[in-house]
Each structure stands twice: as structure tokens, then as C-alpha cells.
Amino acid sequence: MTKQKTFLNIDLSIFEKNGKIEFADVVKSNRVKTAKAFSSFLIGLKNEAVDSKETSRIILKFVAKQKISKLEEKHLKTQVYDVFKILGIGVPFVLIPGATLLIPFILKAAEKKGIDLIPSNFKNNNN
């Protein structure tokens, strides 16, 4: 909680002094929303890392014993789908200049076509 409070109490007077009053007002009005979105993103990233670690354990188990449970198989499939989703978003981001501006449009267009590009760990935190 302390980190979030620090983020919310950033001094924006330097923008106001330099004539960027509109920018400071926009930042002030969206401060809480931005902090929540960033927090949700970090939680999703942490969960994705935990799932990747579990997936590597399952893969090692499969290589060693040639057998995994149905629950482990389901987890493995979900994680592989999530990796492909991340690649689907990440490849344009790396290859196309200015793709950071295109990603929301790509996600919206995919959603309209019934394609789900958001990894499962980020869906639960997405508000």
C-alpha cells in the first residue's frame, strides 16, 4: 500500500510552473485509475511467472515419467495458449514502429472477431 500512496502523491507543480496545467490536470484526474491498472498488471505478471514455473515443472515431469495428470495437462494447455496470446500481442509491438499505440486497437478488433488475445492471468485483473 505504501508504494501506491507514494505514486498517488507525486508532486506535479513542476508541470504547472512550466505552463503544462492541462497535462497536470489530466494526470491528477487519472491518478487512481492508472495506479489500479498498473497494480493489476503487476499482479498478472507475477501470476504469469508463477504459472510458467509450474509449467516447466510439469514439462520436466512429463519428460521424466512420460505421464501427467489431467489437471496438469489442462494447466499445460492453458499456459501454452497464453504464451501464443502473448506472442500475438508482442510480435507487432517489437516489429512495427509505434505499435504501442496500435495494441489497444488490435485487442478491440480481435474481440469483435471473437478472438481472445488477453492471457488468462490478465483477464481476472482487468477492470
N, C-alpha and C. Protein backbone atom coordinates (compact mmCIF):
# COMPACT_ATOMS: atom_id res chain seq x y z
N MET A 1 0.81 -1.20 0.00
CA MET A 1 0.00 0.00 0.00
C MET A 1 0.85 1.27 0.00
N THR A 2 2.00 1.22 0.64
CA THR A 2 2.85 2.40 0.74
C THR A 2 3.30 2.86 -0.63
N LYS A 3 3.68 1.91 -1.50
CA LYS A 3 4.14 2.27 -2.84
C LYS A 3 3.03 2.97 -3.62
N GLN A 4 1.81 2.46 -3.49
CA GLN A 4 0.70 3.05 -4.21
C GLN A 4 0.44 4.47 -3.70
N LYS A 5 0.51 4.69 -2.40
CA LYS A 5 0.31 6.02 -1.86
C LYS A 5 1.38 6.97 -2.34
N THR A 6 2.62 6.50 -2.43
CA THR A 6 3.71 7.32 -2.94
C THR A 6 3.43 7.72 -4.38
N PHE A 7 2.94 6.77 -5.17
CA PHE A 7 2.62 7.05 -6.56
C PHE A 7 1.50 8.08 -6.65
N LEU A 8 0.53 7.97 -5.75
CA LEU A 8 -0.61 8.88 -5.81
C LEU A 8 -0.27 10.29 -5.34
N ASN A 9 0.81 10.46 -4.59
CA ASN A 9 1.17 11.77 -4.05
C ASN A 9 2.34 12.42 -4.79
N ILE A 10 2.48 12.16 -6.06
CA ILE A 10 3.55 12.76 -6.85
C ILE A 10 3.29 14.26 -6.99
N ASP A 11 4.34 15.05 -6.79
CA ASP A 11 4.24 16.50 -6.90
C ASP A 11 4.25 16.89 -8.37
N LEU A 12 3.16 17.47 -8.83
CA LEU A 12 3.03 17.86 -10.24
C LEU A 12 3.21 19.36 -10.43
N SER A 13 3.70 20.05 -9.42
CA SER A 13 3.83 21.50 -9.52
C SER A 13 4.82 21.93 -10.61
N ILE A 14 5.80 21.08 -10.92
CA ILE A 14 6.77 21.43 -11.97
C ILE A 14 6.09 21.58 -13.32
N PHE A 15 5.07 20.75 -13.57
CA PHE A 15 4.33 20.87 -14.83
C PHE A 15 3.50 22.15 -14.83
N GLU A 16 2.91 22.45 -13.69
CA GLU A 16 2.09 23.65 -13.59
C GLU A 16 2.95 24.91 -13.76
N LYS A 17 4.16 24.90 -13.20
CA LYS A 17 5.06 26.05 -13.31
C LYS A 17 5.53 26.26 -14.74
N ASN A 18 5.65 25.18 -15.52
CA ASN A 18 6.13 25.27 -16.90
C ASN A 18 4.99 25.45 -17.90
N GLY A 19 3.80 25.78 -17.41
CA GLY A 19 2.68 26.06 -18.31
C GLY A 19 1.96 24.82 -18.82
N LYS A 20 2.22 23.67 -18.24
CA LYS A 20 1.56 22.43 -18.65
C LYS A 20 0.42 22.10 -17.69
N ILE A 21 -0.43 23.07 -17.44
CA ILE A 21 -1.52 22.92 -16.47
C ILE A 21 -2.50 21.84 -16.91
N GLU A 22 -2.80 21.79 -18.21
CA GLU A 22 -3.75 20.78 -18.71
C GLU A 22 -3.22 19.37 -18.48
N PHE A 23 -1.92 19.19 -18.75
CA PHE A 23 -1.30 17.87 -18.54
C PHE A 23 -1.37 17.48 -17.07
N ALA A 24 -1.05 18.41 -16.19
CA ALA A 24 -1.09 18.13 -14.75
C ALA A 24 -2.51 17.79 -14.32
N ASP A 25 -3.51 18.46 -14.88
CA ASP A 25 -4.90 18.17 -14.54
C ASP A 25 -5.31 16.78 -14.99
N VAL A 26 -4.88 16.38 -16.19
CA VAL A 26 -5.19 15.05 -16.70
C VAL A 26 -4.55 13.98 -15.83
N VAL A 27 -3.29 14.20 -15.46
CA VAL A 27 -2.59 13.24 -14.60
C VAL A 27 -3.29 13.14 -13.25
N LYS A 28 -3.67 14.27 -12.68
CA LYS A 28 -4.35 14.27 -11.38
C LYS A 28 -5.68 13.53 -11.46
N SER A 29 -6.45 13.76 -12.52
CA SER A 29 -7.76 13.14 -12.63
C SER A 29 -7.69 11.64 -12.90
N ASN A 30 -6.62 11.18 -13.51
CA ASN A 30 -6.49 9.75 -13.83
C ASN A 30 -5.52 9.01 -12.92
N ARG A 31 -5.08 9.62 -11.88
CA ARG A 31 -4.06 9.07 -11.00
C ARG A 31 -4.49 7.74 -10.37
N VAL A 32 -5.66 7.68 -9.81
CA VAL A 32 -6.14 6.47 -9.13
C VAL A 32 -6.37 5.35 -10.15
N LYS A 33 -6.97 5.70 -11.27
CA LYS A 33 -7.22 4.71 -12.32
C LYS A 33 -5.91 4.12 -12.84
N THR A 34 -4.92 4.96 -13.04
CA THR A 34 -3.61 4.50 -13.51
C THR A 34 -2.93 3.61 -12.49
N ALA A 35 -3.01 3.99 -11.23
CA ALA A 35 -2.40 3.19 -10.17
C ALA A 35 -3.05 1.81 -10.08
N LYS A 36 -4.37 1.75 -10.21
CA LYS A 36 -5.07 0.46 -10.17
C LYS A 36 -4.70 -0.40 -11.37
N ALA A 37 -4.63 0.21 -12.55
CA ALA A 37 -4.27 -0.54 -13.76
C ALA A 37 -2.85 -1.08 -13.66
N PHE A 38 -1.93 -0.27 -13.16
CA PHE A 38 -0.55 -0.70 -13.02
C PHE A 38 -0.44 -1.82 -11.99
N SER A 39 -1.17 -1.71 -10.90
CA SER A 39 -1.17 -2.75 -9.87
C SER A 39 -1.72 -4.06 -10.43
N SER A 40 -2.81 -3.97 -11.18
CA SER A 40 -3.40 -5.17 -11.79
C SER A 40 -2.43 -5.82 -12.77
N PHE A 41 -1.72 -4.99 -13.53
CA PHE A 41 -0.74 -5.50 -14.48
C PHE A 41 0.37 -6.25 -13.75
N LEU A 42 0.88 -5.68 -12.66
CA LEU A 42 1.95 -6.33 -11.90
C LEU A 42 1.48 -7.64 -11.28
N ILE A 43 0.25 -7.68 -10.81
CA ILE A 43 -0.30 -8.92 -10.25
C ILE A 43 -0.41 -9.98 -11.35
N GLY A 44 -0.90 -9.59 -12.52
CA GLY A 44 -0.99 -10.52 -13.64
C GLY A 44 0.38 -11.03 -14.07
N LEU A 45 1.36 -10.14 -14.08
CA LEU A 45 2.73 -10.52 -14.44
C LEU A 45 3.30 -11.51 -13.43
N LYS A 46 3.05 -11.27 -12.16
CA LYS A 46 3.52 -12.18 -11.11
C LYS A 46 2.86 -13.55 -11.26
N ASN A 47 1.55 -13.56 -11.49
CA ASN A 47 0.83 -14.83 -11.67
C ASN A 47 1.32 -15.58 -12.91
N GLU A 48 1.64 -14.84 -13.95
CA GLU A 48 2.16 -15.47 -15.17
C GLU A 48 3.52 -16.12 -14.91
N ALA A 49 4.35 -15.47 -14.11
CA ALA A 49 5.65 -16.04 -13.76
C ALA A 49 5.49 -17.31 -12.94
N VAL A 50 4.56 -17.30 -12.00
CA VAL A 50 4.30 -18.49 -11.18
C VAL A 50 3.79 -19.64 -12.06
N ASP A 51 2.88 -19.31 -12.98
CA ASP A 51 2.35 -20.34 -13.88
C ASP A 51 3.43 -20.89 -14.80
N SER A 52 4.33 -20.05 -15.26
CA SER A 52 5.42 -20.52 -16.12
C SER A 52 6.34 -21.46 -15.36
N LYS A 53 6.60 -21.15 -14.11
CA LYS A 53 7.43 -22.03 -13.29
C LYS A 53 6.75 -23.39 -13.10
N GLU A 54 5.45 -23.37 -12.83
CA GLU A 54 4.69 -24.61 -12.68
C GLU A 54 4.67 -25.40 -13.99
N THR A 55 4.56 -24.69 -15.11
CA THR A 55 4.55 -25.35 -16.41
C THR A 55 5.88 -26.04 -16.68
N SER A 56 6.98 -25.39 -16.33
CA SER A 56 8.29 -26.02 -16.54
C SER A 56 8.42 -27.27 -15.67
N ARG A 57 7.86 -27.24 -14.46
CA ARG A 57 7.87 -28.42 -13.60
C ARG A 57 7.07 -29.56 -14.24
N ILE A 58 5.93 -29.23 -14.82
CA ILE A 58 5.09 -30.24 -15.47
C ILE A 58 5.80 -30.82 -16.69
N ILE A 59 6.45 -29.97 -17.47
CA ILE A 59 7.18 -30.45 -18.65
C ILE A 59 8.31 -31.40 -18.23
N LEU A 60 9.05 -31.04 -17.20
CA LEU A 60 10.12 -31.91 -16.71
C LEU A 60 9.56 -33.25 -16.22
N LYS A 61 8.42 -33.20 -15.55
CA LYS A 61 7.77 -34.43 -15.07
C LYS A 61 7.36 -35.29 -16.26
N PHE A 62 6.82 -34.66 -17.31
CA PHE A 62 6.40 -35.42 -18.48
C PHE A 62 7.59 -36.05 -19.19
N VAL A 63 8.68 -35.31 -19.29
CA VAL A 63 9.88 -35.85 -19.94
C VAL A 63 10.43 -37.02 -19.14
N ALA A 64 10.42 -36.92 -17.83
CA ALA A 64 10.99 -37.97 -16.99
C ALA A 64 10.10 -39.20 -16.90
N LYS A 65 8.78 -38.98 -16.68
CA LYS A 65 7.88 -40.12 -16.42
C LYS A 65 6.97 -40.46 -17.59
N GLN A 66 6.92 -39.62 -18.60
CA GLN A 66 6.05 -39.82 -19.77
C GLN A 66 4.57 -39.85 -19.42
N LYS A 67 4.20 -39.27 -18.25
CA LYS A 67 2.80 -39.25 -17.86
C LYS A 67 2.55 -38.07 -16.93
N ILE A 68 1.42 -37.38 -17.17
CA ILE A 68 0.99 -36.31 -16.29
C ILE A 68 -0.51 -36.46 -16.06
N SER A 69 -1.00 -35.85 -15.00
CA SER A 69 -2.43 -35.96 -14.67
C SER A 69 -3.25 -35.06 -15.60
N LYS A 70 -4.55 -35.28 -15.59
CA LYS A 70 -5.45 -34.46 -16.42
C LYS A 70 -5.40 -32.99 -16.01
N LEU A 71 -5.31 -32.73 -14.72
CA LEU A 71 -5.24 -31.36 -14.23
C LEU A 71 -3.94 -30.69 -14.70
N GLU A 72 -2.84 -31.42 -14.65
CA GLU A 72 -1.57 -30.88 -15.13
C GLU A 72 -1.61 -30.66 -16.64
N GLU A 73 -2.26 -31.57 -17.35
CA GLU A 73 -2.39 -31.41 -18.81
C GLU A 73 -3.21 -30.17 -19.15
N LYS A 74 -4.28 -29.94 -18.39
CA LYS A 74 -5.11 -28.75 -18.61
C LYS A 74 -4.32 -27.48 -18.33
N HIS A 75 -3.54 -27.49 -17.25
CA HIS A 75 -2.70 -26.34 -16.91
C HIS A 75 -1.68 -26.08 -18.02
N LEU A 76 -1.07 -27.13 -18.51
CA LEU A 76 -0.07 -27.02 -19.56
C LEU A 76 -0.67 -26.42 -20.84
N LYS A 77 -1.85 -26.91 -21.22
CA LYS A 77 -2.52 -26.38 -22.42
C LYS A 77 -2.87 -24.91 -22.26
N THR A 78 -3.39 -24.56 -21.10
CA THR A 78 -3.75 -23.16 -20.84
C THR A 78 -2.52 -22.26 -20.93
N GLN A 79 -1.43 -22.72 -20.35
CA GLN A 79 -0.21 -21.91 -20.36
C GLN A 79 0.36 -21.78 -21.78
N VAL A 80 0.30 -22.83 -22.56
CA VAL A 80 0.78 -22.76 -23.95
C VAL A 80 -0.09 -21.79 -24.75
N TYR A 81 -1.42 -21.84 -24.55
CA TYR A 81 -2.30 -20.88 -25.22
C TYR A 81 -1.96 -19.45 -24.82
N ASP A 82 -1.69 -19.25 -23.54
CA ASP A 82 -1.33 -17.92 -23.06
C ASP A 82 -0.03 -17.42 -23.67
N VAL A 83 0.93 -18.30 -23.84
CA VAL A 83 2.20 -17.91 -24.48
C VAL A 83 1.95 -17.47 -25.92
N PHE A 84 1.10 -18.19 -26.63
CA PHE A 84 0.78 -17.79 -28.01
C PHE A 84 0.04 -16.46 -28.04
N LYS A 85 -0.83 -16.23 -27.05
CA LYS A 85 -1.53 -14.95 -26.99
C LYS A 85 -0.54 -13.81 -26.75
N ILE A 86 0.40 -14.03 -25.85
CA ILE A 86 1.41 -13.00 -25.57
C ILE A 86 2.25 -12.73 -26.82
N LEU A 87 2.59 -13.80 -27.55
CA LEU A 87 3.34 -13.62 -28.80
C LEU A 87 2.51 -12.85 -29.82
N GLY A 88 1.22 -13.12 -29.86
CA GLY A 88 0.33 -12.43 -30.79
C GLY A 88 0.28 -10.94 -30.54
N ILE A 89 0.42 -10.55 -29.30
CA ILE A 89 0.44 -9.13 -28.96
C ILE A 89 1.86 -8.59 -29.07
N GLY A 90 2.83 -9.39 -28.65
CA GLY A 90 4.22 -8.93 -28.56
C GLY A 90 4.93 -8.76 -29.88
N VAL A 91 4.63 -9.61 -30.86
CA VAL A 91 5.32 -9.53 -32.15
C VAL A 91 5.07 -8.19 -32.85
N PRO A 92 3.81 -7.75 -32.96
CA PRO A 92 3.61 -6.42 -33.58
C PRO A 92 4.29 -5.31 -32.77
N PHE A 93 4.29 -5.46 -31.45
CA PHE A 93 4.91 -4.45 -30.59
C PHE A 93 6.39 -4.29 -30.90
N VAL A 94 7.07 -5.40 -31.20
CA VAL A 94 8.50 -5.36 -31.47
C VAL A 94 8.79 -4.97 -32.92
N LEU A 95 8.01 -5.47 -33.85
CA LEU A 95 8.32 -5.29 -35.27
C LEU A 95 7.80 -4.00 -35.89
N ILE A 96 6.68 -3.49 -35.39
CA ILE A 96 6.05 -2.33 -36.01
C ILE A 96 6.35 -1.08 -35.18
N PRO A 97 6.96 -0.08 -35.80
CA PRO A 97 7.19 1.17 -35.07
C PRO A 97 5.86 1.81 -34.66
N GLY A 98 5.77 2.24 -33.43
CA GLY A 98 4.55 2.86 -32.95
C GLY A 98 3.46 1.88 -32.57
N ALA A 99 3.81 0.62 -32.44
CA ALA A 99 2.81 -0.40 -32.15
C ALA A 99 2.20 -0.25 -30.77
N THR A 100 2.87 0.46 -29.88
CA THR A 100 2.28 0.68 -28.56
C THR A 100 0.94 1.40 -28.69
N LEU A 101 0.81 2.20 -29.73
CA LEU A 101 -0.46 2.87 -29.98
C LEU A 101 -1.47 1.95 -30.66
N LEU A 102 -0.98 0.93 -31.36
CA LEU A 102 -1.87 0.02 -32.09
C LEU A 102 -2.43 -1.11 -31.24
N ILE A 103 -1.74 -1.47 -30.17
CA ILE A 103 -2.14 -2.64 -29.38
C ILE A 103 -3.59 -2.55 -28.89
N PRO A 104 -4.06 -1.42 -28.35
CA PRO A 104 -5.47 -1.38 -27.93
C PRO A 104 -6.43 -1.63 -29.10
N PHE A 105 -6.08 -1.11 -30.28
CA PHE A 105 -6.93 -1.32 -31.44
C PHE A 105 -6.91 -2.78 -31.90
N ILE A 106 -5.73 -3.40 -31.82
CA ILE A 106 -5.62 -4.82 -32.17
C ILE A 106 -6.46 -5.66 -31.23
N LEU A 107 -6.38 -5.37 -29.94
CA LEU A 107 -7.17 -6.12 -28.95
C LEU A 107 -8.67 -5.93 -29.19
N LYS A 108 -9.09 -4.71 -29.49
CA LYS A 108 -10.51 -4.43 -29.73
C LYS A 108 -10.99 -5.11 -31.00
N ALA A 109 -10.19 -5.07 -32.07
CA ALA A 109 -10.57 -5.72 -33.33
C ALA A 109 -10.66 -7.24 -33.15
N ALA A 110 -9.72 -7.81 -32.39
CA ALA A 110 -9.75 -9.25 -32.14
C ALA A 110 -10.98 -9.62 -31.32
N GLU A 111 -11.32 -8.78 -30.37
CA GLU A 111 -12.51 -9.04 -29.54
C GLU A 111 -13.78 -9.03 -30.39
N LYS A 112 -13.87 -8.09 -31.34
CA LYS A 112 -15.04 -8.02 -32.22
C LYS A 112 -15.15 -9.26 -33.11
N LYS A 113 -14.00 -9.83 -33.47
CA LYS A 113 -14.00 -11.04 -34.32
C LYS A 113 -14.12 -12.31 -33.49
N GLY A 114 -14.21 -12.18 -32.17
CA GLY A 114 -14.35 -13.35 -31.31
C GLY A 114 -13.03 -14.03 -30.98
N ILE A 115 -11.93 -13.31 -31.16
CA ILE A 115 -10.61 -13.84 -30.86
C ILE A 115 -10.16 -13.27 -29.53
N ASP A 116 -9.73 -14.14 -28.64
CA ASP A 116 -9.31 -13.72 -27.32
C ASP A 116 -7.80 -13.64 -27.26
N LEU A 117 -7.25 -12.43 -27.18
CA LEU A 117 -5.80 -12.25 -27.16
C LEU A 117 -5.25 -11.95 -25.77
N ILE A 118 -6.11 -11.79 -24.79
CA ILE A 118 -5.65 -11.46 -23.45
C ILE A 118 -5.35 -12.74 -22.69
N PRO A 119 -4.12 -12.90 -22.19
CA PRO A 119 -3.77 -14.09 -21.41
C PRO A 119 -4.65 -14.23 -20.17
N SER A 120 -4.87 -15.44 -19.73
CA SER A 120 -5.80 -15.72 -18.63
C SER A 120 -5.42 -15.02 -17.33
N ASN A 121 -4.15 -14.85 -17.05
CA ASN A 121 -3.75 -14.19 -15.81
C ASN A 121 -4.09 -12.71 -15.80
N PHE A 122 -4.27 -12.11 -16.95
CA PHE A 122 -4.58 -10.70 -17.01
C PHE A 122 -6.08 -10.44 -17.12
N LYS A 123 -6.86 -11.46 -17.42
CA LYS A 123 -8.31 -11.29 -17.52
C LYS A 123 -8.94 -11.04 -16.17
N ASN A 124 -8.54 -11.80 -15.16
CA ASN A 124 -9.15 -11.67 -13.85
C ASN A 124 -8.87 -10.32 -13.22
N ASN A 125 -7.77 -9.69 -13.58
CA ASN A 125 -7.39 -8.41 -13.01
C ASN A 125 -7.82 -7.24 -13.87
N ASN A 126 -8.32 -7.53 -15.05
CA ASN A 126 -8.67 -6.48 -16.00
C ASN A 126 -9.98 -5.83 -15.62
N ASN A 127 -9.94 -4.52 -15.35
CA ASN A 127 -11.17 -3.80 -14.97
C ASN A 127 -11.55 -2.83 -16.06
